[in-house]
C-alpha atoms as a PDB file:
ATOM      1  CA  UNK A   1      -6.760 -49.706 -23.194  1.00  0.00           C
ATOM      2  CA  UNK A   2      -5.679 -47.020 -25.701  1.00  0.00           C
ATOM      3  CA  UNK A   3      -9.081 -46.722 -26.822  1.00  0.00           C
ATOM      4  CA  UNK A   4     -10.526 -46.238 -23.207  1.00  0.00           C
ATOM      5  CA  UNK A   5      -8.165 -43.611 -22.646  1.00  0.00           C
ATOM      6  CA  UNK A   6      -9.249 -41.980 -25.795  1.00  0.00           C
ATOM      7  CA  UNK A   7     -12.798 -42.050 -25.002  1.00  0.00           C
ATOM      8  CA  UNK A   8     -11.960 -40.810 -21.315  1.00  0.00           C
ATOM      9  CA  UNK A   9      -9.970 -37.835 -22.726  1.00  0.00           C
ATOM     10  CA  UNK A  10     -12.797 -36.839 -24.998  1.00  0.00           C
ATOM     11  CA  UNK A  11     -15.567 -36.999 -22.337  1.00  0.00           C
ATOM     12  CA  UNK A  12     -13.500 -34.876 -19.864  1.00  0.00           C
ATOM     13  CA  UNK A  13     -12.697 -32.656 -22.586  1.00  0.00           C
ATOM     14  CA  UNK A  14     -16.452 -32.088 -23.469  1.00  0.00           C
ATOM     15  CA  UNK A  15     -17.292 -31.624 -19.650  1.00  0.00           C
ATOM     16  CA  UNK A  16     -14.744 -29.040 -19.369  1.00  0.00           C
ATOM     17  CA  UNK A  17     -16.068 -27.283 -22.496  1.00  0.00           C
ATOM     18  CA  UNK A  18     -19.499 -27.359 -21.180  1.00  0.00           C
ATOM     19  CA  UNK A  19     -18.502 -25.950 -17.786  1.00  0.00           C
ATOM     20  CA  UNK A  20     -16.652 -23.183 -19.306  1.00  0.00           C
ATOM     21  CA  UNK A  21     -19.481 -22.168 -21.599  1.00  0.00           C
ATOM     22  CA  UNK A  22     -22.015 -22.310 -18.868  1.00  0.00           C
ATOM     23  CA  UNK A  23     -19.678 -20.034 -16.472  1.00  0.00           C
ATOM     24  CA  UNK A  24     -19.361 -17.534 -19.475  1.00  0.00           C
ATOM     25  CA  UNK A  25     -23.233 -17.611 -19.863  1.00  0.00           C
ATOM     26  CA  UNK A  26     -23.724 -16.595 -16.281  1.00  0.00           C
ATOM     27  CA  UNK A  27     -21.712 -13.461 -16.427  1.00  0.00           C
ATOM     28  CA  UNK A  28     -20.839 -10.686 -18.903  1.00  0.00           C
ATOM     29  CA  UNK A  29     -18.802  -7.558 -18.376  1.00  0.00           C
ATOM     30  CA  UNK A  30     -19.994  -4.144 -18.773  1.00  0.00           C
ATOM     31  CA  UNK A  31     -18.127  -1.177 -20.513  1.00  0.00           C
ATOM     32  CA  UNK A  32     -16.523   0.068 -17.154  1.00  0.00           C
ATOM     33  CA  UNK A  33     -15.090  -3.480 -16.411  1.00  0.00           C
ATOM     34  CA  UNK A  34     -17.724  -4.432 -13.806  1.00  0.00           C
ATOM     35  CA  UNK A  35     -19.077  -8.068 -13.814  1.00  0.00           C
ATOM     36  CA  UNK A  36     -22.681  -8.356 -14.693  1.00  0.00           C
ATOM     37  CA  UNK A  37     -24.193 -11.353 -13.136  1.00  0.00           C
ATOM     38  CA  UNK A  38     -27.559 -13.067 -13.597  1.00  0.00           C
ATOM     39  CA  UNK A  39     -28.293 -13.691  -9.941  1.00  0.00           C
ATOM     40  CA  UNK A  40     -30.891 -12.327  -7.527  1.00  0.00           C
ATOM     41  CA  UNK A  41     -28.510 -11.316  -4.862  1.00  0.00           C
ATOM     42  CA  UNK A  42     -25.146  -9.674  -4.749  1.00  0.00           C
ATOM     43  CA  UNK A  43     -22.736  -8.626  -2.104  1.00  0.00           C
ATOM     44  CA  UNK A  44     -19.585  -6.555  -2.280  1.00  0.00           C
ATOM     45  CA  UNK A  45     -16.834  -6.482   0.333  1.00  0.00           C
ATOM     46  CA  UNK A  46     -14.293  -3.996   1.323  1.00  0.00           C
ATOM     47  CA  UNK A  47     -12.096  -2.991  -1.591  1.00  0.00           C
ATOM     48  CA  UNK A  48      -9.717   0.175  -0.759  1.00  0.00           C
ATOM     49  CA  UNK A  49      -6.720  -0.961   1.306  1.00  0.00           C
ATOM     50  CA  UNK A  50      -7.293   0.079   5.039  1.00  0.00           C
ATOM     51  CA  UNK A  51      -3.693   0.443   6.143  1.00  0.00           C
ATOM     52  CA  UNK A  52      -2.180  -1.204   8.279  1.00  0.00           C
ATOM     53  CA  UNK A  53      -5.172  -3.510   8.321  1.00  0.00           C
ATOM     54  CA  UNK A  54      -7.163  -0.945   9.998  1.00  0.00           C
ATOM     55  CA  UNK A  55      -6.618  -0.170  13.536  1.00  0.00           C
ATOM     56  CA  UNK A  56     -10.471   0.612  14.124  1.00  0.00           C
ATOM     57  CA  UNK A  57     -12.254  -0.085  10.752  1.00  0.00           C
ATOM     58  CA  UNK A  58     -12.555  -4.069  10.411  1.00  0.00           C
ATOM     59  CA  UNK A  59     -14.815  -4.756   7.430  1.00  0.00           C
ATOM     60  CA  UNK A  60     -17.304  -3.081   5.378  1.00  0.00           C
ATOM     61  CA  UNK A  61     -19.944  -4.599   3.024  1.00  0.00           C
ATOM     62  CA  UNK A  62     -22.726  -3.968   0.776  1.00  0.00           C
ATOM     63  CA  UNK A  63     -25.294  -5.835  -0.914  1.00  0.00           C
ATOM     64  CA  UNK A  64     -28.139  -5.755  -3.571  1.00  0.00           C
ATOM     65  CA  UNK A  65     -31.121  -7.970  -3.601  1.00  0.00           C
ATOM     66  CA  UNK A  66     -33.794  -8.394  -6.274  1.00  0.00           C
ATOM     67  CA  UNK A  67     -36.822  -7.945  -4.180  1.00  0.00           C
ATOM     68  CA  UNK A  68     -39.528  -8.365  -6.793  1.00  0.00           C
ATOM     69  CA  UNK A  69     -40.386  -6.626 -10.304  1.00  0.00           C
ATOM     70  CA  UNK A  70     -38.892  -3.156 -10.125  1.00  0.00           C
ATOM     71  CA  UNK A  71     -37.950  -3.548  -6.658  1.00  0.00           C
ATOM     72  CA  UNK A  72     -34.656  -3.899  -5.041  1.00  0.00           C
ATOM     73  CA  UNK A  73     -33.323  -3.957  -1.294  1.00  0.00           C
ATOM     74  CA  UNK A  74     -29.804  -2.083  -0.841  1.00  0.00           C
ATOM     75  CA  UNK A  75     -27.814  -2.465   2.404  1.00  0.00           C
ATOM     76  CA  UNK A  76     -24.612  -2.017   3.695  1.00  0.00           C
ATOM     77  CA  UNK A  77     -22.506  -2.269   7.146  1.00  0.00           C
ATOM     78  CA  UNK A  78     -19.357  -1.089   8.697  1.00  0.00           C
ATOM     79  CA  UNK A  79     -17.790  -3.218  11.449  1.00  0.00           C
ATOM     80  CA  UNK A  80     -14.937  -1.972  13.718  1.00  0.00           C
ATOM     81  CA  UNK A  81     -12.259  -3.776  15.841  1.00  0.00           C
ATOM     82  CA  UNK A  82     -13.265  -1.865  18.908  1.00  0.00           C
ATOM     83  CA  UNK A  83     -15.821   0.896  20.081  1.00  0.00           C
ATOM     84  CA  UNK A  84     -15.548   3.939  18.106  1.00  0.00           C
ATOM     85  CA  UNK A  85     -16.695   7.613  18.471  1.00  0.00           C
ATOM     86  CA  UNK A  86     -18.647   7.471  15.009  1.00  0.00           C
ATOM     87  CA  UNK A  87     -19.197   4.678  12.572  1.00  0.00           C
ATOM     88  CA  UNK A  88     -20.783   5.411   9.213  1.00  0.00           C
ATOM     89  CA  UNK A  89     -22.104   3.505   6.410  1.00  0.00           C
ATOM     90  CA  UNK A  90     -23.603   5.013   3.176  1.00  0.00           C
ATOM     91  CA  UNK A  91     -24.770   2.752   0.287  1.00  0.00           C
ATOM     92  CA  UNK A  92     -25.192   4.193  -3.239  1.00  0.00           C
ATOM     93  CA  UNK A  93     -27.632   2.388  -5.687  1.00  0.00           C
ATOM     94  CA  UNK A  94     -26.217   2.916  -9.094  1.00  0.00           C
ATOM     95  CA  UNK A  95     -27.799   2.649 -12.411  1.00  0.00           C
ATOM     96  CA  UNK A  96     -25.862   1.902 -15.643  1.00  0.00           C
ATOM     97  CA  UNK A  97     -27.162   4.195 -18.656  1.00  0.00           C
ATOM     98  CA  UNK A  98     -24.115   4.617 -20.549  1.00  0.00           C
ATOM     99  CA  UNK A  99     -22.192   5.067 -17.370  1.00  0.00           C
ATOM    100  CA  UNK A 100     -22.697   4.410 -13.902  1.00  0.00           C
ATOM    101  CA  UNK A 101     -24.574   7.050 -11.991  1.00  0.00           C
ATOM    102  CA  UNK A 102     -26.223   7.326  -8.461  1.00  0.00           C
ATOM    103  CA  UNK A 103     -29.892   6.408  -8.644  1.00  0.00           C
ATOM    104  CA  UNK A 104     -30.574   6.416  -4.881  1.00  0.00           C
ATOM    105  CA  UNK A 105     -28.732   6.128  -1.475  1.00  0.00           C
ATOM    106  CA  UNK A 106     -29.161   5.379   2.109  1.00  0.00           C
ATOM    107  CA  UNK A 107     -26.750   6.181   5.120  1.00  0.00           C
ATOM    108  CA  UNK A 108     -26.557   5.748   8.950  1.00  0.00           C
ATOM    109  CA  UNK A 109     -24.123   6.757  11.617  1.00  0.00           C
ATOM    110  CA  UNK A 110     -23.639   4.987  15.014  1.00  0.00           C
ATOM    111  CA  UNK A 111     -22.122   6.848  17.919  1.00  0.00           C
ATOM    112  CA  UNK A 112     -19.921   5.027  20.600  1.00  0.00           C
ATOM    113  CA  UNK A 113     -20.560   1.618  18.831  1.00  0.00           C
ATOM    114  CA  UNK A 114     -18.568  -0.925  16.955  1.00  0.00           C
ATOM    115  CA  UNK A 115     -21.133  -1.606  14.293  1.00  0.00           C
ATOM    116  CA  UNK A 116     -23.380   0.327  12.171  1.00  0.00           C
ATOM    117  CA  UNK A 117     -25.805  -0.750   9.069  1.00  0.00           C
ATOM    118  CA  UNK A 118     -28.402   0.407   6.929  1.00  0.00           C
ATOM    119  CA  UNK A 119     -30.806  -1.109   4.635  1.00  0.00           C
ATOM    120  CA  UNK A 120     -34.122  -0.041   2.425  1.00  0.00           C
ATOM    121  CA  UNK A 121     -36.298  -1.043  -0.509  1.00  0.00           C
ATOM    122  CA  UNK A 122     -36.020   1.068  -3.436  1.00  0.00           C
ATOM    123  CA  UNK A 123     -38.332   1.093  -6.376  1.00  0.00           C
ATOM    124  CA  UNK A 124     -36.518   1.280  -9.794  1.00  0.00           C
ATOM    125  CA  UNK A 125     -37.308   1.202 -13.258  1.00  0.00           C
ATOM    126  CA  UNK A 126     -36.922  -2.143 -15.017  1.00  0.00           C
ATOM    127  CA  UNK A 127     -34.689  -2.890 -17.893  1.00  0.00           C
ATOM    128  CA  UNK A 128     -31.437  -1.615 -16.424  1.00  0.00           C
ATOM    129  CA  UNK A 129     -28.264  -2.795 -14.652  1.00  0.00           C
ATOM    130  CA  UNK A 130     -27.829  -1.762 -11.013  1.00  0.00           C
ATOM    131  CA  UNK A 131     -25.189  -2.369  -8.413  1.00  0.00           C
ATOM    132  CA  UNK A 132     -24.386  -0.965  -4.998  1.00  0.00           C
ATOM    133  CA  UNK A 133     -21.311   1.004  -3.853  1.00  0.00           C
ATOM    134  CA  UNK A 134     -20.509   1.256  -0.135  1.00  0.00           C
ATOM    135  CA  UNK A 135     -18.517   3.824   1.804  1.00  0.00           C
ATOM    136  CA  UNK A 136     -17.274   2.893   5.256  1.00  0.00           C
ATOM    137  CA  UNK A 137     -15.748   5.424   7.600  1.00  0.00           C
ATOM    138  CA  UNK A 138     -14.819   5.387  11.470  1.00  0.00           C
ATOM    139  CA  UNK A 139     -13.614   7.955  13.848  1.00  0.00           C
ATOM    140  CA  UNK A 140     -11.897   6.818  17.082  1.00  0.00           C
ATOM    141  CA  UNK A 141     -12.282   8.830  20.459  1.00  0.00           C
ATOM    142  CA  UNK A 142      -8.645   9.867  20.009  1.00  0.00           C
ATOM    143  CA  UNK A 143      -9.661  11.467  16.395  1.00  0.00           C
ATOM    144  CA  UNK A 144      -8.182   8.644  14.321  1.00  0.00           C
ATOM    145  CA  UNK A 145     -10.070   8.452  10.748  1.00  0.00           C
ATOM    146  CA  UNK A 146     -10.210   5.306   8.786  1.00  0.00           C
ATOM    147  CA  UNK A 147     -12.011   4.589   5.545  1.00  0.00           C
ATOM    148  CA  UNK A 148     -12.924   2.013   2.783  1.00  0.00           C
ATOM    149  CA  UNK A 149     -15.093   1.271   0.029  1.00  0.00           C
ATOM    150  CA  UNK A 150     -16.997  -1.880  -1.382  1.00  0.00           C
ATOM    151  CA  UNK A 151     -18.866  -2.463  -4.432  1.00  0.00           C
ATOM    152  CA  UNK A 152     -21.123  -5.130  -5.669  1.00  0.00           C
ATOM    153  CA  UNK A 153     -21.429  -6.634  -8.900  1.00  0.00           C
ATOM    154  CA  UNK A 154     -24.284  -5.387 -11.383  1.00  0.00           C
ATOM    155  CA  UNK A 155     -27.627  -6.930 -11.656  1.00  0.00           C
ATOM    156  CA  UNK A 156     -30.262  -6.614 -14.340  1.00  0.00           C
ATOM    157  CA  UNK A 157     -33.423  -5.565 -13.023  1.00  0.00           C
END
């Protein structure tokens, strides 16, 4: 009985070690602290606090998808709790070349709406890490302004 427990403990320990090492191989961290993942698609959620929970601004997201060799698809959306005067989403494709810098961008503004989105394909040089940062803003009909940001993890193209 004692021998079985030792064997099961050893097996569980090996499985745990294998899981942890596979997890560590699937991601690394850049010098700026951004997690770099080896996945073909990444999405970022609203990061900046919207206080108090956003009377108008509900949610913001951005995403980066590897669409082929040297081709990515960047997109983002801004959602509101109710119809607003203007809703804007801007997405910034950033390249890591020592530091993160804006490589390309896209934006869209909607009027008298509760949601706006943008997306487009971008040709990029291979051999670099890329990420997308989103800026989400809304202005109510009474002039209340709310904003938030989102950011994806980095992906190697």
